[in-house]
């Protein structure tokens, strides 16, 4: 009898934990645009952009070139796009991002960070890296660079990423001016960027 009561109590505790986890997941993933803070362009704004910076970083591109945060210098606006190999909307957005990168010359630069090819410690999954290279070179054929996030970025500014694509608009010092969640078409991206030119 005592065993049955103990099993019942454990079952109730587990069910309550699953329900609370589900509610939290629902709030984080399925928040409506109006609750999340949608702007006039339909971008779901990330409220944590104030005083957020990319800071100093060193990263490696998906093709092996190492760069520092100096890559942001000389561009009035940087559009930093966080994407993943499993994300269809991310991949579909890439050609529009490439058009933005080419449209503004040195004023605007687009760079990507493929967030799923390395864990928070910086360990790279070689299969996912190979897949990312194929997506960039063969599937989308975009010319802007994509990087593997460093463990410092994963523990810092990118630690709050809960959905992809997520994009950041920064100045040349890496200070985040605006961020948004979700893919955008070229015209939508232009409206967002031109506020800062």
N, C-alpha and C. Protein backbone atom coordinates (compact mmCIF):
# COMPACT_ATOMS: atom_id res chain seq x y z
N UNK A 1 0.82 -1.19 0.00
CA UNK A 1 0.00 0.00 0.00
C UNK A 1 0.86 1.25 0.00
N UNK A 2 1.90 1.27 0.85
CA UNK A 2 2.79 2.42 0.93
C UNK A 2 3.54 2.63 -0.38
N UNK A 3 3.87 1.56 -1.06
CA UNK A 3 4.55 1.64 -2.35
C UNK A 3 3.66 2.31 -3.38
N UNK A 4 2.37 1.95 -3.39
CA UNK A 4 1.43 2.56 -4.33
C UNK A 4 1.28 4.05 -4.08
N UNK A 5 1.22 4.44 -2.82
CA UNK A 5 1.10 5.87 -2.48
C UNK A 5 2.36 6.61 -2.90
N UNK A 6 3.51 6.03 -2.65
CA UNK A 6 4.77 6.64 -3.04
C UNK A 6 4.85 6.80 -4.56
N UNK A 7 4.46 5.80 -5.30
CA UNK A 7 4.45 5.87 -6.77
C UNK A 7 3.48 6.95 -7.23
N UNK A 8 2.32 7.04 -6.60
CA UNK A 8 1.33 8.06 -6.94
C UNK A 8 1.90 9.47 -6.71
N UNK A 9 2.53 9.69 -5.58
CA UNK A 9 3.11 11.01 -5.25
C UNK A 9 4.21 11.37 -6.25
N UNK A 10 5.08 10.44 -6.56
CA UNK A 10 6.17 10.68 -7.53
C UNK A 10 5.58 11.00 -8.90
N UNK A 11 4.53 10.27 -9.28
CA UNK A 11 3.88 10.52 -10.57
C UNK A 11 3.29 11.93 -10.63
N UNK A 12 2.63 12.35 -9.56
CA UNK A 12 2.04 13.70 -9.51
C UNK A 12 3.14 14.76 -9.61
N UNK A 13 4.23 14.58 -8.92
CA UNK A 13 5.34 15.54 -8.97
C UNK A 13 5.92 15.62 -10.38
N UNK A 14 6.12 14.49 -11.03
CA UNK A 14 6.65 14.47 -12.39
C UNK A 14 5.69 15.16 -13.35
N UNK A 15 4.41 14.87 -13.24
CA UNK A 15 3.41 15.49 -14.12
C UNK A 15 3.39 17.00 -13.92
N UNK A 16 3.42 17.46 -12.67
CA UNK A 16 3.45 18.90 -12.40
C UNK A 16 4.70 19.55 -13.01
N UNK A 17 5.84 18.88 -12.89
CA UNK A 17 7.08 19.40 -13.48
C UNK A 17 6.98 19.50 -14.99
N UNK A 18 6.41 18.49 -15.63
CA UNK A 18 6.23 18.53 -17.08
C UNK A 18 5.28 19.63 -17.51
N UNK A 19 4.21 19.83 -16.76
CA UNK A 19 3.25 20.89 -17.08
C UNK A 19 3.92 22.26 -16.96
N UNK A 20 4.66 22.49 -15.89
CA UNK A 20 5.35 23.78 -15.72
C UNK A 20 6.40 24.00 -16.80
N UNK A 21 7.12 22.96 -17.16
CA UNK A 21 8.10 23.06 -18.24
C UNK A 21 7.41 23.41 -19.55
N UNK A 22 6.30 22.76 -19.83
CA UNK A 22 5.54 23.03 -21.05
C UNK A 22 5.03 24.46 -21.10
N UNK A 23 4.54 24.97 -19.97
CA UNK A 23 4.06 26.35 -19.92
C UNK A 23 5.20 27.32 -20.19
N UNK A 24 6.35 27.09 -19.57
CA UNK A 24 7.50 27.96 -19.78
C UNK A 24 7.96 27.92 -21.24
N UNK A 25 8.01 26.71 -21.83
CA UNK A 25 8.39 26.56 -23.23
C UNK A 25 7.42 27.32 -24.12
N UNK A 26 6.13 27.17 -23.86
CA UNK A 26 5.11 27.85 -24.65
C UNK A 26 5.30 29.37 -24.59
N UNK A 27 5.54 29.89 -23.41
CA UNK A 27 5.73 31.34 -23.25
C UNK A 27 6.95 31.83 -24.02
N UNK A 28 8.02 31.04 -24.01
CA UNK A 28 9.26 31.46 -24.68
C UNK A 28 9.21 31.32 -26.19
N UNK A 29 8.54 30.29 -26.69
CA UNK A 29 8.57 30.00 -28.12
C UNK A 29 7.36 30.53 -28.85
N UNK A 30 6.20 30.46 -28.24
CA UNK A 30 4.98 30.80 -28.94
C UNK A 30 4.39 32.14 -28.49
N UNK A 31 5.21 33.04 -28.00
CA UNK A 31 4.73 34.36 -27.61
C UNK A 31 4.27 35.08 -28.87
N UNK A 32 3.12 35.70 -28.80
CA UNK A 32 2.61 36.42 -29.97
C UNK A 32 3.44 37.65 -30.22
N UNK A 33 3.50 38.15 -31.46
CA UNK A 33 4.28 39.33 -31.78
C UNK A 33 3.92 40.52 -30.91
N UNK A 34 2.64 40.73 -30.60
CA UNK A 34 2.27 41.88 -29.79
C UNK A 34 2.81 41.75 -28.37
N UNK A 35 2.87 40.53 -27.85
CA UNK A 35 3.42 40.31 -26.52
C UNK A 35 4.94 40.46 -26.53
N UNK A 36 5.57 40.07 -27.62
CA UNK A 36 7.03 40.12 -27.70
C UNK A 36 7.54 41.51 -28.06
N UNK A 37 6.68 42.37 -28.60
CA UNK A 37 7.11 43.71 -28.96
C UNK A 37 7.37 43.83 -30.44
N UNK A 38 6.34 43.81 -31.25
CA UNK A 38 6.50 43.90 -32.70
C UNK A 38 6.59 45.37 -33.09
N UNK A 39 7.55 45.70 -33.97
CA UNK A 39 7.65 47.08 -34.44
C UNK A 39 6.80 47.27 -35.69
N UNK A 40 6.84 48.49 -36.26
CA UNK A 40 5.99 48.81 -37.41
C UNK A 40 6.37 48.01 -38.66
N UNK A 41 7.57 47.43 -38.70
CA UNK A 41 7.98 46.62 -39.84
C UNK A 41 7.65 45.14 -39.65
N UNK A 42 7.02 44.82 -38.53
CA UNK A 42 6.66 43.42 -38.29
C UNK A 42 7.78 42.61 -37.66
N UNK A 43 8.87 43.26 -37.28
CA UNK A 43 9.98 42.54 -36.65
C UNK A 43 9.67 42.35 -35.18
N UNK A 44 9.86 41.13 -34.70
CA UNK A 44 9.70 40.88 -33.28
C UNK A 44 10.99 41.34 -32.63
N UNK A 45 10.87 42.37 -31.82
CA UNK A 45 12.05 42.99 -31.23
C UNK A 45 12.48 42.25 -29.98
N UNK A 46 13.75 42.11 -29.83
CA UNK A 46 14.32 41.55 -28.63
C UNK A 46 14.51 42.71 -27.66
N UNK A 47 13.91 42.64 -26.50
CA UNK A 47 13.94 43.76 -25.56
C UNK A 47 15.30 43.91 -24.86
N UNK A 48 16.21 42.96 -25.01
CA UNK A 48 17.49 43.00 -24.30
C UNK A 48 18.60 43.64 -25.12
N UNK A 49 18.28 44.59 -26.00
CA UNK A 49 19.31 45.17 -26.84
C UNK A 49 20.02 46.35 -26.19
N UNK A 50 19.37 47.00 -25.23
CA UNK A 50 19.97 48.15 -24.61
C UNK A 50 21.27 47.76 -23.89
N UNK A 51 22.33 48.48 -24.18
CA UNK A 51 23.65 48.24 -23.58
C UNK A 51 24.24 46.88 -23.94
N UNK A 52 23.76 46.25 -25.00
CA UNK A 52 24.31 44.97 -25.44
C UNK A 52 25.38 45.24 -26.49
N UNK A 53 26.49 44.55 -26.36
CA UNK A 53 27.59 44.70 -27.32
C UNK A 53 28.16 43.33 -27.66
N UNK A 54 28.69 43.24 -28.86
CA UNK A 54 29.41 42.03 -29.24
C UNK A 54 30.81 42.03 -28.63
N UNK A 55 31.34 43.20 -28.30
CA UNK A 55 32.64 43.28 -27.65
C UNK A 55 33.77 42.77 -28.53
N UNK A 56 34.90 42.50 -27.91
CA UNK A 56 36.05 41.97 -28.64
C UNK A 56 35.89 40.46 -28.76
N UNK A 57 36.09 39.97 -29.97
CA UNK A 57 35.98 38.54 -30.18
C UNK A 57 36.95 38.10 -31.27
N UNK A 58 37.27 36.83 -31.25
CA UNK A 58 38.02 36.18 -32.32
C UNK A 58 37.22 34.95 -32.72
N UNK A 59 36.94 34.85 -34.01
CA UNK A 59 36.14 33.73 -34.52
C UNK A 59 36.78 33.17 -35.77
N UNK A 60 36.34 31.99 -36.15
CA UNK A 60 36.81 31.34 -37.37
C UNK A 60 35.63 31.20 -38.31
N UNK A 61 35.87 31.51 -39.57
CA UNK A 61 34.81 31.36 -40.56
C UNK A 61 34.57 29.88 -40.80
N UNK A 62 33.44 29.57 -41.43
CA UNK A 62 33.14 28.15 -41.69
C UNK A 62 34.10 27.57 -42.73
N UNK A 63 34.88 28.44 -43.39
CA UNK A 63 35.89 27.94 -44.34
C UNK A 63 37.30 28.03 -43.78
N UNK A 64 37.43 28.40 -42.49
CA UNK A 64 38.72 28.30 -41.82
C UNK A 64 39.50 29.58 -41.59
N UNK A 65 39.03 30.74 -42.03
CA UNK A 65 39.76 31.99 -41.82
C UNK A 65 39.44 32.56 -40.44
N UNK A 66 40.47 32.98 -39.72
CA UNK A 66 40.27 33.57 -38.40
C UNK A 66 40.17 35.08 -38.52
N UNK A 67 39.18 35.67 -37.84
CA UNK A 67 39.01 37.12 -37.83
C UNK A 67 38.70 37.57 -36.41
N UNK A 68 38.87 38.87 -36.18
CA UNK A 68 38.54 39.46 -34.88
C UNK A 68 37.37 40.42 -35.05
N UNK A 69 36.98 41.03 -33.96
CA UNK A 69 35.89 42.01 -33.98
C UNK A 69 36.22 43.21 -34.86
N UNK A 70 37.46 43.33 -35.28
CA UNK A 70 37.85 44.41 -36.20
C UNK A 70 37.09 44.31 -37.53
N UNK A 71 36.52 43.15 -37.82
CA UNK A 71 35.75 42.98 -39.05
C UNK A 71 34.55 43.93 -39.09
N UNK A 72 34.09 44.38 -37.94
CA UNK A 72 32.95 45.29 -37.87
C UNK A 72 33.33 46.73 -38.20
N UNK A 73 34.58 47.07 -38.05
CA UNK A 73 35.06 48.45 -38.25
C UNK A 73 34.91 48.87 -39.71
N UNK A 74 34.64 50.16 -39.90
CA UNK A 74 34.56 50.71 -41.25
C UNK A 74 33.20 50.55 -41.90
N UNK A 75 32.25 49.98 -41.17
CA UNK A 75 30.90 49.81 -41.67
C UNK A 75 29.96 50.54 -40.71
N UNK A 76 29.19 51.47 -41.24
CA UNK A 76 28.27 52.23 -40.40
C UNK A 76 27.26 51.29 -39.73
N UNK A 77 26.83 50.29 -40.47
CA UNK A 77 25.87 49.31 -39.97
C UNK A 77 26.37 47.90 -40.28
N UNK A 78 26.28 47.04 -39.28
CA UNK A 78 26.55 45.61 -39.46
C UNK A 78 25.27 44.87 -39.16
N UNK A 79 24.86 43.99 -40.06
CA UNK A 79 23.71 43.12 -39.83
C UNK A 79 24.27 41.74 -39.52
N UNK A 80 24.17 41.34 -38.27
CA UNK A 80 24.71 40.06 -37.82
C UNK A 80 23.55 39.09 -37.70
N UNK A 81 23.57 38.06 -38.55
CA UNK A 81 22.48 37.10 -38.64
C UNK A 81 22.88 35.79 -38.00
N UNK A 82 22.08 35.35 -37.03
CA UNK A 82 22.33 34.09 -36.35
C UNK A 82 21.42 33.03 -36.98
N UNK A 83 22.03 31.98 -37.51
CA UNK A 83 21.28 30.96 -38.23
C UNK A 83 21.72 29.57 -37.80
N UNK A 84 20.99 28.57 -38.28
CA UNK A 84 21.33 27.18 -37.96
C UNK A 84 21.12 26.31 -39.20
N UNK A 85 21.84 25.23 -39.25
CA UNK A 85 21.78 24.34 -40.42
C UNK A 85 20.41 23.67 -40.57
N UNK A 86 19.69 23.49 -39.47
CA UNK A 86 18.38 22.83 -39.50
C UNK A 86 17.23 23.80 -39.80
N UNK A 87 17.52 25.08 -39.94
CA UNK A 87 16.49 26.12 -39.99
C UNK A 87 16.16 26.52 -41.42
N UNK A 88 15.01 26.05 -41.92
CA UNK A 88 14.57 26.40 -43.27
C UNK A 88 14.40 27.90 -43.50
N UNK A 89 13.72 28.62 -42.58
CA UNK A 89 13.58 30.07 -42.76
C UNK A 89 14.93 30.80 -42.80
N UNK A 90 15.90 30.30 -42.04
CA UNK A 90 17.25 30.90 -42.06
C UNK A 90 17.86 30.79 -43.46
N UNK A 91 17.79 29.60 -44.00
CA UNK A 91 18.38 29.32 -45.32
C UNK A 91 17.64 30.10 -46.41
N UNK A 92 16.32 30.17 -46.31
CA UNK A 92 15.53 30.91 -47.30
C UNK A 92 15.81 32.41 -47.26
N UNK A 93 16.20 32.93 -46.10
CA UNK A 93 16.48 34.36 -45.94
C UNK A 93 17.85 34.76 -46.50
N UNK A 94 18.76 33.81 -46.62
CA UNK A 94 20.14 34.12 -46.99
C UNK A 94 20.29 34.89 -48.31
N UNK A 95 19.58 34.54 -49.37
CA UNK A 95 19.73 35.33 -50.60
C UNK A 95 19.32 36.80 -50.42
N UNK A 96 18.30 37.07 -49.60
CA UNK A 96 17.92 38.46 -49.32
C UNK A 96 18.99 39.18 -48.51
N UNK A 97 19.60 38.47 -47.58
CA UNK A 97 20.70 39.06 -46.82
C UNK A 97 21.88 39.37 -47.74
N UNK A 98 22.13 38.50 -48.69
CA UNK A 98 23.23 38.71 -49.64
C UNK A 98 22.97 39.96 -50.49
N UNK A 99 21.73 40.17 -50.89
CA UNK A 99 21.38 41.38 -51.65
C UNK A 99 21.63 42.63 -50.82
N UNK A 100 21.31 42.57 -49.54
CA UNK A 100 21.56 43.71 -48.65
C UNK A 100 23.06 43.96 -48.54
N UNK A 101 23.84 42.91 -48.38
CA UNK A 101 25.29 43.03 -48.26
C UNK A 101 25.89 43.71 -49.49
N UNK A 102 25.34 43.43 -50.65
CA UNK A 102 25.87 43.99 -51.90
C UNK A 102 25.31 45.38 -52.21
N UNK A 103 24.14 45.69 -51.68
CA UNK A 103 23.43 46.92 -52.07
C UNK A 103 24.04 48.20 -51.52
N UNK A 104 24.67 48.14 -50.37
CA UNK A 104 25.09 49.38 -49.69
C UNK A 104 26.60 49.62 -49.69
N UNK A 105 27.35 48.81 -50.39
CA UNK A 105 28.80 48.98 -50.41
C UNK A 105 29.38 48.80 -49.02
N UNK A 106 30.33 49.68 -48.65
CA UNK A 106 30.99 49.57 -47.35
C UNK A 106 30.15 50.10 -46.19
N UNK A 107 29.05 50.77 -46.49
CA UNK A 107 28.21 51.31 -45.40
C UNK A 107 27.58 50.21 -44.56
N UNK A 108 27.17 49.13 -45.23
CA UNK A 108 26.48 48.04 -44.55
C UNK A 108 27.20 46.73 -44.85
N UNK A 109 27.37 45.94 -43.80
CA UNK A 109 27.99 44.63 -43.95
C UNK A 109 27.08 43.58 -43.31
N UNK A 110 26.93 42.46 -43.97
CA UNK A 110 26.19 41.33 -43.40
C UNK A 110 27.19 40.25 -43.06
N UNK A 111 27.06 39.70 -41.87
CA UNK A 111 27.84 38.52 -41.50
C UNK A 111 26.90 37.54 -40.80
N UNK A 112 27.21 36.27 -40.92
CA UNK A 112 26.40 35.24 -40.30
C UNK A 112 27.17 34.49 -39.24
N UNK A 113 26.44 33.98 -38.26
CA UNK A 113 26.98 33.07 -37.27
C UNK A 113 26.10 31.83 -37.28
N UNK A 114 26.67 30.69 -37.61
CA UNK A 114 25.93 29.43 -37.61
C UNK A 114 26.01 28.84 -36.20
N UNK A 115 24.92 28.96 -35.49
CA UNK A 115 24.93 28.72 -34.05
C UNK A 115 24.94 27.24 -33.64
N UNK A 116 24.59 26.35 -34.55
CA UNK A 116 24.49 24.95 -34.14
C UNK A 116 25.72 24.10 -34.46
N UNK A 117 26.76 24.69 -35.03
CA UNK A 117 27.93 23.86 -35.36
C UNK A 117 28.95 23.77 -34.24
N UNK A 118 28.75 24.56 -33.17
CA UNK A 118 29.65 24.46 -32.02
C UNK A 118 28.84 24.56 -30.74
N UNK A 119 29.29 23.86 -29.72
CA UNK A 119 28.60 23.97 -28.43
C UNK A 119 29.15 25.18 -27.66
N UNK A 120 28.64 25.41 -26.49
CA UNK A 120 29.03 26.59 -25.69
C UNK A 120 30.50 26.56 -25.27
N UNK A 121 31.13 25.40 -25.36
CA UNK A 121 32.55 25.30 -25.02
C UNK A 121 33.43 25.50 -26.25
N UNK A 122 32.81 25.63 -27.43
CA UNK A 122 33.57 25.85 -28.66
C UNK A 122 33.92 24.58 -29.41
N UNK A 123 33.41 23.44 -28.98
CA UNK A 123 33.66 22.18 -29.68
C UNK A 123 32.84 22.14 -30.96
N UNK A 124 33.50 21.95 -32.08
CA UNK A 124 32.85 22.00 -33.39
C UNK A 124 32.44 20.60 -33.84
N UNK A 125 31.20 20.49 -34.31
CA UNK A 125 30.69 19.25 -34.89
C UNK A 125 31.06 19.27 -36.37
N UNK A 126 31.98 18.41 -36.79
CA UNK A 126 32.50 18.45 -38.16
C UNK A 126 31.42 18.15 -39.21
N UNK A 127 30.46 17.30 -38.88
CA UNK A 127 29.38 17.01 -39.83
C UNK A 127 28.51 18.24 -40.06
N UNK A 128 28.17 18.94 -38.99
CA UNK A 128 27.36 20.16 -39.12
C UNK A 128 28.15 21.27 -39.80
N UNK A 129 29.45 21.33 -39.55
CA UNK A 129 30.28 22.32 -40.23
C UNK A 129 30.27 22.06 -41.73
N UNK A 130 30.42 20.82 -42.13
CA UNK A 130 30.38 20.45 -43.55
C UNK A 130 29.02 20.81 -44.16
N UNK A 131 27.97 20.57 -43.41
CA UNK A 131 26.62 20.91 -43.89
C UNK A 131 26.48 22.43 -44.05
N UNK A 132 27.02 23.20 -43.11
CA UNK A 132 26.95 24.67 -43.19
C UNK A 132 27.69 25.18 -44.42
N UNK A 133 28.85 24.62 -44.70
CA UNK A 133 29.62 25.02 -45.88
C UNK A 133 28.81 24.73 -47.15
N UNK A 134 28.16 23.58 -47.22
CA UNK A 134 27.33 23.25 -48.39
C UNK A 134 26.16 24.21 -48.53
N UNK A 135 25.53 24.57 -47.42
CA UNK A 135 24.42 25.51 -47.47
C UNK A 135 24.87 26.85 -48.02
N UNK A 136 26.00 27.34 -47.54
CA UNK A 136 26.50 28.65 -47.98
C UNK A 136 27.01 28.60 -49.42
N UNK A 137 27.83 27.61 -49.75
CA UNK A 137 28.48 27.58 -51.06
C UNK A 137 27.62 27.01 -52.18
N UNK A 138 26.83 25.98 -51.88
CA UNK A 138 26.10 25.28 -52.93
C UNK A 138 24.60 25.63 -52.98
N UNK A 139 23.97 25.62 -51.82
CA UNK A 139 22.52 25.82 -51.78
C UNK A 139 22.15 27.29 -52.01
N UNK A 140 22.72 28.19 -51.20
CA UNK A 140 22.34 29.61 -51.28
C UNK A 140 23.31 30.42 -52.13
N UNK A 141 24.56 29.98 -52.22
CA UNK A 141 25.61 30.68 -52.98
C UNK A 141 25.76 32.14 -52.58
N UNK A 142 25.68 32.40 -51.27
CA UNK A 142 25.85 33.78 -50.78
C UNK A 142 27.33 34.10 -50.64
N UNK A 143 27.64 35.39 -50.72
CA UNK A 143 29.05 35.79 -50.67
C UNK A 143 29.46 36.39 -49.32
N UNK A 144 28.50 36.74 -48.48
CA UNK A 144 28.89 37.28 -47.16
C UNK A 144 29.41 36.14 -46.29
N UNK A 145 30.30 36.43 -45.34
CA UNK A 145 30.92 35.36 -44.55
C UNK A 145 30.02 34.84 -43.43
N UNK A 146 30.19 33.58 -43.10
CA UNK A 146 29.54 32.97 -41.94
C UNK A 146 30.63 32.42 -41.03
N UNK A 147 30.41 32.58 -39.74
CA UNK A 147 31.42 32.22 -38.75
C UNK A 147 30.88 31.21 -37.74
N UNK A 148 31.81 30.55 -37.09
CA UNK A 148 31.51 29.67 -35.97
C UNK A 148 31.59 30.53 -34.72
N UNK A 149 30.50 30.65 -33.95
CA UNK A 149 30.57 31.49 -32.75
C UNK A 149 31.61 30.96 -31.77
N UNK A 150 32.36 31.87 -31.18
CA UNK A 150 33.34 31.48 -30.16
C UNK A 150 32.60 31.16 -28.87
N UNK A 151 33.26 30.46 -27.96
CA UNK A 151 32.63 30.14 -26.68
C UNK A 151 32.32 31.43 -25.91
N UNK A 152 33.15 32.47 -26.06
CA UNK A 152 32.88 33.75 -25.40
C UNK A 152 31.58 34.37 -25.90
N UNK A 153 31.35 34.34 -27.22
CA UNK A 153 30.10 34.87 -27.76
C UNK A 153 28.92 34.02 -27.33
N UNK A 154 29.10 32.70 -27.30
CA UNK A 154 28.00 31.80 -26.90
C UNK A 154 27.63 32.00 -25.44
N UNK A 155 28.59 32.34 -24.62
CA UNK A 155 28.32 32.58 -23.20
C UNK A 155 27.89 34.03 -22.95
N UNK A 156 28.14 34.89 -23.93
CA UNK A 156 27.83 36.31 -23.78
C UNK A 156 26.60 36.73 -24.54
N UNK A 157 26.81 37.55 -25.56
CA UNK A 157 25.71 38.17 -26.29
C UNK A 157 24.78 37.16 -26.94
N UNK A 158 25.27 35.99 -27.32
CA UNK A 158 24.42 34.99 -27.98
C UNK A 158 23.76 34.01 -27.01
N UNK A 159 23.99 34.18 -25.72
CA UNK A 159 23.45 33.22 -24.74
C UNK A 159 21.93 33.27 -24.63
N UNK A 160 21.31 34.36 -25.04
CA UNK A 160 19.86 34.48 -24.93
C UNK A 160 19.12 34.08 -26.20
N UNK A 161 19.82 33.56 -27.19
CA UNK A 161 19.15 33.15 -28.43
C UNK A 161 18.22 31.98 -28.12
N UNK A 162 16.92 32.15 -28.41
CA UNK A 162 15.99 31.05 -28.21
C UNK A 162 15.27 30.67 -29.50
N UNK A 163 15.54 31.42 -30.57
CA UNK A 163 14.93 31.10 -31.86
C UNK A 163 15.85 31.60 -32.97
N UNK A 164 15.84 30.91 -34.08
CA UNK A 164 16.59 31.34 -35.25
C UNK A 164 15.65 31.43 -36.43
N UNK A 165 15.90 32.34 -37.36
CA UNK A 165 16.98 33.31 -37.31
C UNK A 165 16.70 34.44 -36.32
N UNK A 166 17.77 34.91 -35.72
CA UNK A 166 17.78 36.13 -34.92
C UNK A 166 18.84 37.02 -35.54
N UNK A 167 18.53 38.30 -35.68
CA UNK A 167 19.49 39.22 -36.29
C UNK A 167 19.73 40.42 -35.39
N UNK A 168 20.94 40.91 -35.44
CA UNK A 168 21.35 42.09 -34.69
C UNK A 168 21.82 43.15 -35.66
N UNK A 169 21.41 44.37 -35.46
CA UNK A 169 21.96 45.52 -36.20
C UNK A 169 22.89 46.21 -35.22
N UNK A 170 24.17 46.32 -35.62
CA UNK A 170 25.16 46.94 -34.73
C UNK A 170 25.86 48.09 -35.44
N UNK A 171 26.53 48.91 -34.64
CA UNK A 171 27.41 49.91 -35.22
C UNK A 171 28.78 49.27 -35.42
N UNK A 172 29.76 50.08 -35.83
CA UNK A 172 31.08 49.51 -36.13
C UNK A 172 31.84 49.06 -34.90
N UNK A 173 31.37 49.46 -33.71
CA UNK A 173 32.01 49.02 -32.47
C UNK A 173 31.34 47.79 -31.88
N UNK A 174 30.34 47.26 -32.58
CA UNK A 174 29.65 46.08 -32.10
C UNK A 174 28.53 46.36 -31.12
N UNK A 175 28.19 47.65 -30.92
CA UNK A 175 27.07 48.01 -30.03
C UNK A 175 25.77 47.68 -30.75
N UNK A 176 24.92 46.91 -30.10
CA UNK A 176 23.66 46.49 -30.70
C UNK A 176 22.68 47.67 -30.68
N UNK A 177 22.22 48.04 -31.89
CA UNK A 177 21.25 49.11 -32.05
C UNK A 177 19.83 48.57 -32.03
N UNK A 178 19.68 47.37 -32.56
CA UNK A 178 18.37 46.74 -32.63
C UNK A 178 18.57 45.25 -32.89
N UNK A 179 17.61 44.46 -32.44
CA UNK A 179 17.63 43.04 -32.77
C UNK A 179 16.22 42.58 -33.05
N UNK A 180 16.11 41.52 -33.84
CA UNK A 180 14.79 41.00 -34.17
C UNK A 180 14.88 39.51 -34.45
N UNK A 181 13.74 38.86 -34.27
CA UNK A 181 13.63 37.42 -34.45
C UNK A 181 12.77 37.16 -35.68
N UNK A 182 13.20 36.23 -36.50
CA UNK A 182 12.42 35.86 -37.68
C UNK A 182 13.09 36.30 -38.96
N UNK A 183 12.74 35.63 -40.05
CA UNK A 183 13.34 35.96 -41.35
C UNK A 183 12.63 37.15 -41.97
N UNK A 184 13.35 37.88 -42.81
CA UNK A 184 12.83 39.07 -43.48
C UNK A 184 13.19 39.02 -44.95
N UNK A 185 12.36 39.65 -45.75
CA UNK A 185 12.64 39.84 -47.17
C UNK A 185 13.50 41.09 -47.34
N UNK A 186 14.07 41.26 -48.53
CA UNK A 186 14.99 42.36 -48.80
C UNK A 186 14.40 43.73 -48.44
N UNK A 187 13.18 44.00 -48.86
CA UNK A 187 12.58 45.32 -48.61
C UNK A 187 12.38 45.57 -47.12
N UNK A 188 12.00 44.54 -46.38
CA UNK A 188 11.84 44.67 -44.93
C UNK A 188 13.19 44.95 -44.27
N UNK A 189 14.22 44.27 -44.72
CA UNK A 189 15.56 44.47 -44.18
C UNK A 189 16.04 45.89 -44.46
N UNK A 190 15.77 46.40 -45.67
CA UNK A 190 16.18 47.77 -46.01
C UNK A 190 15.54 48.78 -45.06
N UNK A 191 14.25 48.63 -44.76
CA UNK A 191 13.57 49.55 -43.85
C UNK A 191 14.21 49.53 -42.47
N UNK A 192 14.57 48.35 -42.01
CA UNK A 192 15.19 48.24 -40.69
C UNK A 192 16.58 48.88 -40.67
N UNK A 193 17.36 48.66 -41.71
CA UNK A 193 18.73 49.14 -41.77
C UNK A 193 18.80 50.65 -41.99
N UNK A 194 17.96 51.16 -42.87
CA UNK A 194 18.07 52.56 -43.26
C UNK A 194 17.79 53.56 -42.13
N UNK A 195 17.21 53.07 -41.05
CA UNK A 195 17.05 53.95 -39.88
C UNK A 195 18.39 54.35 -39.29
N UNK A 196 19.41 53.58 -39.57
CA UNK A 196 20.72 53.80 -38.94
C UNK A 196 21.77 54.34 -39.92
N UNK A 197 21.39 54.65 -41.14
CA UNK A 197 22.35 55.17 -42.12
C UNK A 197 22.34 56.70 -42.12
